[in-house]
C-alpha cells in the first residue's frame, strides 16, 4: 500500500493532501472536521486502501499544512471550500468519487454534491458519508465549539496540549495512547514564545461571524440525488435526533437514498479508527458497488 504527501495550488492557495492506495476500486475523498487535519483520516485511509481504494485526504485552508488565508472573511466559508474541492478534482483528474466528511467535511461534501456553488461537482460525487454532520446543527453545540476553536490555548509542553486534546475530543470515543499521541503531534504548532498550540488558523471561526447561515444547508441537502449514509454519534450534541427525523422526510430520505446509523460510545464525532466504524463505511461502499 502506498501513501504520499502532496501539495497543489487550488483557488489560489497551497493545499496539502495525502494520497493513499491504488484506486482499483475507485476514489474516496475523506475530509476532516472544523479544527482538525487530514491525519484524522489515517486509519480510514489505510483500511480502504488495503481494499483497493484510492483515498484523498486534504487539509482545509487554514488547517494542518495547507496555507492560511490572507482573506479569512471571504475564504473561510463553504463556498470557498467547494471551489478548493473542485479545483482539486480538476488537477487530480478525478471524474467521480465517493465523499466521506467528518462534521465540516460532511458539509463541504453536501454543498459540492448539490452543485449549488460548483455546478460541475454535482455529477462528480457518487455518494456521501456524513460523519456526525447534518443539514442543520444544534446552536448550543456550535457555541461550544466556537468557545475553544476561536481562542486556542497555548501550553508550555506537548504533553499538556495532549491532555487538553484528550479532554476536548473525548466525544470521539476510544483512541489508543498511540493514537492520542499522533493526534497531538499532527495538530501542534509552536508559537514565537516557544509554547505550543493547536495547528490551525484561529481566524477560521470568522465563518460563524461573517457567514452565520453557512451550516443551514437544507436546500443543498434537498437537492442531493445520491446515496447518503449518516453516521450519528449516539451522544452527539451537534446532530440532534429530531434533525435526523427531518432528514428521513426530505431529500435523499424522501427518495429512499438515506441510511442512518447511530455509533455507540461516541458524541461529536466518531473517530473512524475502530473496526466497527470502519466496517460501516466499507459496507456502505460495497453495497453501492454491488448495486452498480
Protein backbone atom coordinates (compact mmCIF):
# COMPACT_ATOMS: atom_id res chain seq x y z
CA UNK A 1 0.00 0.00 0.00
CA UNK A 2 1.36 3.42 -0.98
CA UNK A 3 0.83 6.82 0.63
CA UNK A 4 2.30 10.14 -0.46
CA UNK A 5 2.22 13.69 0.90
CA UNK A 6 1.43 16.28 -1.78
CA UNK A 7 0.79 19.97 -2.44
CA UNK A 8 -1.27 21.71 -5.12
CA UNK A 9 -2.43 25.27 -5.65
CA UNK A 10 -6.23 25.37 -5.53
CA UNK A 11 -8.32 28.56 -5.56
CA UNK A 12 -5.06 30.49 -5.26
CA UNK A 13 -3.96 28.75 -2.05
CA UNK A 14 -1.45 25.97 -1.42
CA UNK A 15 -3.35 22.86 -0.36
CA UNK A 16 -1.75 19.85 1.30
CA UNK A 17 -3.25 16.38 0.93
CA UNK A 18 -2.27 12.76 1.40
CA UNK A 19 -2.92 10.26 -1.36
CA UNK A 20 -3.40 6.61 -0.34
CA UNK A 21 -3.80 3.39 -2.31
CA UNK A 22 -4.05 2.24 -5.90
CA UNK A 23 -7.58 3.26 -6.83
CA UNK A 24 -8.51 -0.06 -8.44
CA UNK A 25 -11.82 0.01 -6.55
CA UNK A 26 -12.43 3.72 -7.10
CA UNK A 27 -11.69 7.00 -5.32
CA UNK A 28 -12.83 8.27 -1.92
CA UNK A 29 -12.40 11.86 -0.72
CA UNK A 30 -12.02 11.89 3.09
CA UNK A 31 -12.36 15.41 4.52
CA UNK A 32 -11.74 16.28 8.17
CA UNK A 33 -13.67 18.43 10.64
CA UNK A 34 -13.59 22.12 11.56
CA UNK A 35 -10.42 22.42 13.64
CA UNK A 36 -8.76 19.17 12.59
CA UNK A 37 -6.37 17.89 9.94
CA UNK A 38 -6.13 15.25 7.22
CA UNK A 39 -4.25 12.93 9.59
CA UNK A 40 -7.55 12.21 11.37
CA UNK A 41 -8.38 10.05 8.36
CA UNK A 42 -5.26 7.86 8.54
CA UNK A 43 -6.94 4.74 9.91
CA UNK A 44 -9.82 5.05 7.46
CA UNK A 45 -7.49 5.68 4.52
CA UNK A 46 -5.27 2.74 5.44
CA UNK A 47 -8.34 0.50 5.82
CA UNK A 48 -9.83 1.49 2.46
CA UNK A 49 -6.50 1.49 0.61
CA UNK A 50 -5.96 -2.12 1.69
CA UNK A 51 -9.19 -2.93 -0.20
CA UNK A 52 -8.05 -1.23 -3.40
CA UNK A 53 -9.50 2.25 -2.94
CA UNK A 54 -7.63 5.46 -3.65
CA UNK A 55 -8.22 7.83 -0.72
CA UNK A 56 -7.52 11.57 -0.93
CA UNK A 57 -7.32 13.35 2.44
CA UNK A 58 -6.98 17.17 2.15
CA UNK A 59 -6.06 19.72 4.78
CA UNK A 60 -8.63 22.53 4.56
CA UNK A 61 -7.16 26.04 4.07
CA UNK A 62 -6.06 27.31 7.46
CA UNK A 63 -5.57 23.82 8.87
CA UNK A 64 -2.68 21.41 9.04
CA UNK A 65 -0.12 22.04 6.31
CA UNK A 66 -2.42 23.96 3.96
CA UNK A 67 -1.91 27.69 3.54
CA UNK A 68 -3.64 30.10 5.88
CA UNK A 69 -5.94 32.53 4.11
CA UNK A 70 -4.90 36.19 3.81
CA UNK A 71 -8.62 36.96 3.40
CA UNK A 72 -10.33 34.96 6.18
CA UNK A 73 -13.59 36.91 5.98
CA UNK A 74 -14.28 35.73 2.43
CA UNK A 75 -12.37 32.47 2.18
CA UNK A 76 -13.20 30.62 5.38
CA UNK A 77 -16.63 29.50 4.22
CA UNK A 78 -18.29 26.57 2.47
CA UNK A 79 -18.45 28.27 -0.92
CA UNK A 80 -14.68 28.76 -0.99
CA UNK A 81 -14.00 25.25 0.29
CA UNK A 82 -16.21 23.89 -2.51
CA UNK A 83 -14.10 25.81 -5.02
CA UNK A 84 -10.95 24.29 -3.49
CA UNK A 85 -12.51 20.83 -3.82
CA UNK A 86 -13.49 21.39 -7.45
CA UNK A 87 -10.01 22.55 -8.40
CA UNK A 88 -8.51 19.60 -6.51
CA UNK A 89 -10.73 17.23 -8.54
CA UNK A 90 -9.72 19.04 -11.74
CA UNK A 91 -5.98 18.90 -11.10
CA UNK A 92 -6.05 15.27 -9.96
CA UNK A 93 -8.27 14.43 -12.95
CA UNK A 94 -10.87 12.81 -10.71
CA UNK A 95 -14.01 12.26 -12.76
CA UNK A 96 -16.12 10.73 -9.98
CA UNK A 97 -15.54 9.91 -6.33
CA UNK A 98 -17.31 8.92 -3.16
CA UNK A 99 -17.12 11.56 -0.40
CA UNK A 100 -16.75 10.98 3.34
CA UNK A 101 -16.70 14.01 5.60
CA UNK A 102 -16.50 14.46 9.34
CA UNK A 103 -18.52 17.43 10.61
CA UNK A 104 -17.42 20.38 8.44
CA UNK A 105 -16.04 17.92 5.89
CA UNK A 106 -19.54 16.49 5.52
CA UNK A 107 -20.98 19.95 4.96
CA UNK A 108 -18.39 20.64 2.24
CA UNK A 109 -19.36 17.36 0.59
CA UNK A 110 -23.04 18.24 0.77
CA UNK A 111 -22.65 21.64 -0.90
CA UNK A 112 -20.36 20.12 -3.54
CA UNK A 113 -22.80 17.30 -4.32
CA UNK A 114 -25.72 19.74 -4.57
CA UNK A 115 -23.91 21.64 -7.34
CA UNK A 116 -25.11 24.96 -5.92
CA UNK A 117 -21.69 26.64 -5.65
CA UNK A 118 -19.77 24.50 -8.15
CA UNK A 119 -22.25 23.07 -10.70
CA UNK A 120 -19.76 20.61 -12.22
CA UNK A 121 -19.35 18.85 -8.86
CA UNK A 122 -22.93 17.55 -8.75
CA UNK A 123 -22.21 14.78 -11.26
CA UNK A 124 -18.77 14.00 -9.80
CA UNK A 125 -19.79 12.82 -6.33
CA UNK A 126 -21.16 9.29 -6.34
CA UNK A 127 -22.21 9.02 -2.68
CA UNK A 128 -21.90 10.88 0.59
CA UNK A 129 -20.98 9.70 4.09
CA UNK A 130 -21.80 12.28 6.76
CA UNK A 131 -19.82 11.53 9.91
CA UNK A 132 -21.87 13.32 12.58
CA UNK A 133 -22.99 16.04 10.21
CA UNK A 134 -26.44 17.15 9.09
CA UNK A 135 -28.07 19.99 7.12
CA UNK A 136 -28.75 21.77 10.41
CA UNK A 137 -26.58 21.78 13.54
CA UNK A 138 -27.53 22.44 17.16
CA UNK A 139 -26.71 26.04 18.02
CA UNK A 140 -25.63 25.22 21.57
CA UNK A 141 -23.01 22.82 20.22
CA UNK A 142 -21.80 25.39 17.70
CA UNK A 143 -21.31 27.85 20.55
CA UNK A 144 -19.35 25.21 22.47
CA UNK A 145 -17.07 24.60 19.50
CA UNK A 146 -16.57 28.32 18.91
CA UNK A 147 -15.62 28.81 22.56
CA UNK A 148 -12.50 26.67 22.24
CA UNK A 149 -11.76 26.81 18.50
CA UNK A 150 -11.72 30.61 18.28
CA UNK A 151 -9.37 31.03 21.23
CA UNK A 152 -6.98 28.08 21.12
CA UNK A 153 -4.99 27.74 24.33
CA UNK A 154 -1.20 27.64 24.49
CA UNK A 155 0.84 25.33 26.69
CA UNK A 156 4.45 25.07 27.77
CA UNK A 157 4.69 21.42 26.76
CA UNK A 158 3.32 18.99 24.18
CA UNK A 159 2.13 16.67 26.96
CA UNK A 160 -0.04 19.47 28.36
CA UNK A 161 -1.51 20.02 24.90
CA UNK A 162 -2.18 16.29 24.61
CA UNK A 163 -4.08 16.39 27.91
CA UNK A 164 -6.17 19.25 26.51
CA UNK A 165 -6.93 17.30 23.33
CA UNK A 166 -7.90 14.22 25.33
CA UNK A 167 -10.47 16.30 27.20
CA UNK A 168 -11.84 18.33 24.28
CA UNK A 169 -12.06 15.35 21.93
CA UNK A 170 -13.28 12.84 24.49
CA UNK A 171 -16.56 12.52 22.47
CA UNK A 172 -14.51 10.94 19.66
CA UNK A 173 -14.76 7.68 21.58
CA UNK A 174 -11.93 5.25 22.22
CA UNK A 175 -8.44 6.07 20.97
CA UNK A 176 -5.30 4.20 21.89
CA UNK A 177 -2.48 6.05 23.66
CA UNK A 178 -0.52 5.93 20.39
CA UNK A 179 -3.45 7.47 18.50
CA UNK A 180 -3.81 10.26 21.04
CA UNK A 181 -0.08 10.95 20.70
CA UNK A 182 -0.30 11.04 16.90
CA UNK A 183 -3.38 13.28 17.02
CA UNK A 184 -1.42 15.68 19.22
CA UNK A 185 1.79 15.65 17.22
CA UNK A 186 -0.03 16.22 13.92
CA UNK A 187 -2.10 19.03 15.44
CA UNK A 188 0.64 21.08 17.11
CA UNK A 189 2.45 24.26 16.14
CA UNK A 190 4.94 26.23 18.20
CA UNK A 191 4.37 29.92 18.90
CA UNK A 192 7.11 32.59 18.76
CA UNK A 193 7.40 32.42 22.56
CA UNK A 194 8.11 28.68 22.40
CA UNK A 195 4.75 27.46 23.67
CA UNK A 196 2.60 25.01 21.69
CA UNK A 197 -0.95 25.46 20.43
CA UNK A 198 -3.36 23.64 18.07
CA UNK A 199 -2.26 23.70 14.42
CA UNK A 200 -4.89 25.86 12.73
CA UNK A 201 -5.66 29.48 11.97
CA UNK A 202 -7.91 30.84 14.76
CA UNK A 203 -9.43 33.20 12.17
CA UNK A 204 -11.26 30.21 10.64
CA UNK A 205 -14.05 30.80 13.18
CA UNK A 206 -14.86 34.01 11.30
CA UNK A 207 -17.01 31.67 9.22
CA UNK A 208 -19.58 31.77 12.02
CA UNK A 209 -19.46 35.57 12.19
CA UNK A 210 -19.48 36.56 8.51
CA UNK A 211 -21.39 33.51 7.23
CA UNK A 212 -23.79 32.76 10.11
CA UNK A 213 -26.07 30.57 7.99
CA UNK A 214 -23.26 28.58 6.39
CA UNK A 215 -24.30 25.36 8.13
CA UNK A 216 -28.02 25.70 7.47
CA UNK A 217 -27.89 23.82 4.21
CA UNK A 218 -31.27 22.14 3.84
CA UNK A 219 -31.60 23.46 0.27
CA UNK A 220 -28.34 21.70 -0.60
CA UNK A 221 -29.45 18.50 1.12
CA UNK A 222 -32.84 18.54 -0.61
CA UNK A 223 -31.04 18.73 -3.97
CA UNK A 224 -28.94 15.61 -3.38
CA UNK A 225 -29.66 12.76 -5.78
CA UNK A 226 -27.10 10.26 -4.47
CA UNK A 227 -26.98 7.63 -1.70
CA UNK A 228 -26.20 9.12 1.72
CA UNK A 229 -25.01 7.43 4.91
CA UNK A 230 -25.38 9.48 8.09
CA UNK A 231 -23.22 8.17 10.94
CA UNK A 232 -24.52 9.92 14.05
CA UNK A 233 -22.58 9.71 17.29
CA UNK A 234 -25.11 8.28 19.73
CA UNK A 235 -24.28 11.01 22.26
CA UNK A 236 -23.83 13.83 19.74
CA UNK A 237 -24.88 17.30 20.85
CA UNK A 238 -24.35 18.66 17.33
CA UNK A 239 -26.61 16.40 15.24
CA UNK A 240 -29.89 16.10 17.12
CA UNK A 241 -32.24 13.15 16.69
CA UNK A 242 -35.07 15.46 15.61
CA UNK A 243 -32.83 16.72 12.79
CA UNK A 244 -32.29 13.14 11.64
CA UNK A 245 -36.07 12.67 11.60
CA UNK A 246 -36.32 15.63 9.20
CA UNK A 247 -33.52 14.16 7.08
CA UNK A 248 -35.56 10.98 6.67
CA UNK A 249 -38.51 13.03 5.40
CA UNK A 250 -36.65 15.24 2.93
CA UNK A 251 -34.24 15.00 0.00
CA UNK A 252 -32.44 11.63 -0.14
CA UNK A 253 -34.51 10.41 2.80
CA UNK A 254 -37.75 11.03 0.98
CA UNK A 255 -36.32 9.29 -2.09
CA UNK A 256 -35.18 6.22 -0.14
CA UNK A 257 -31.49 7.01 -0.57
CA UNK A 258 -30.64 7.71 3.08
CA UNK A 259 -29.20 5.31 5.65
CA UNK A 260 -28.79 6.40 9.27
CA UNK A 261 -26.63 4.57 11.80
CA UNK A 262 -26.06 5.59 15.41
CA UNK A 263 -22.49 4.93 16.50
CA UNK A 264 -22.40 3.85 20.17
CA UNK A 265 -19.84 5.20 22.62
CA UNK A 266 -19.28 8.45 20.70
CA UNK A 267 -20.52 12.00 20.65
CA UNK A 268 -19.19 14.50 18.14
CA UNK A 269 -17.67 12.90 16.19
CA UNK A 270 -16.77 9.20 15.79
CA UNK A 271 -13.01 8.96 15.26
CA UNK A 272 -13.28 6.40 12.41
CA UNK A 273 -10.46 4.40 13.98
CA UNK A 274 -12.02 1.13 15.19
CA UNK A 275 -13.28 -1.87 13.17
CA UNK A 276 -16.99 -1.32 13.82
CA UNK A 277 -16.86 2.22 12.45
CA UNK A 278 -14.57 1.37 9.54
CA UNK A 279 -16.79 -1.55 8.58
CA UNK A 280 -19.84 0.72 8.40
CA UNK A 281 -18.08 2.70 5.70
CA UNK A 282 -16.87 -0.31 3.73
CA UNK A 283 -20.29 -1.99 3.92
CA UNK A 284 -21.89 1.17 2.54
CA UNK A 285 -19.39 1.43 -0.30
CA UNK A 286 -19.56 -2.30 -1.03
CA UNK A 287 -23.34 -2.13 -1.21
CA UNK A 288 -23.11 0.65 -3.79
CA UNK A 289 -20.60 -1.32 -5.85
CA UNK A 290 -22.82 -4.40 -5.77
CA UNK A 291 -25.85 -2.37 -6.83
CA UNK A 292 -23.89 -0.86 -9.70
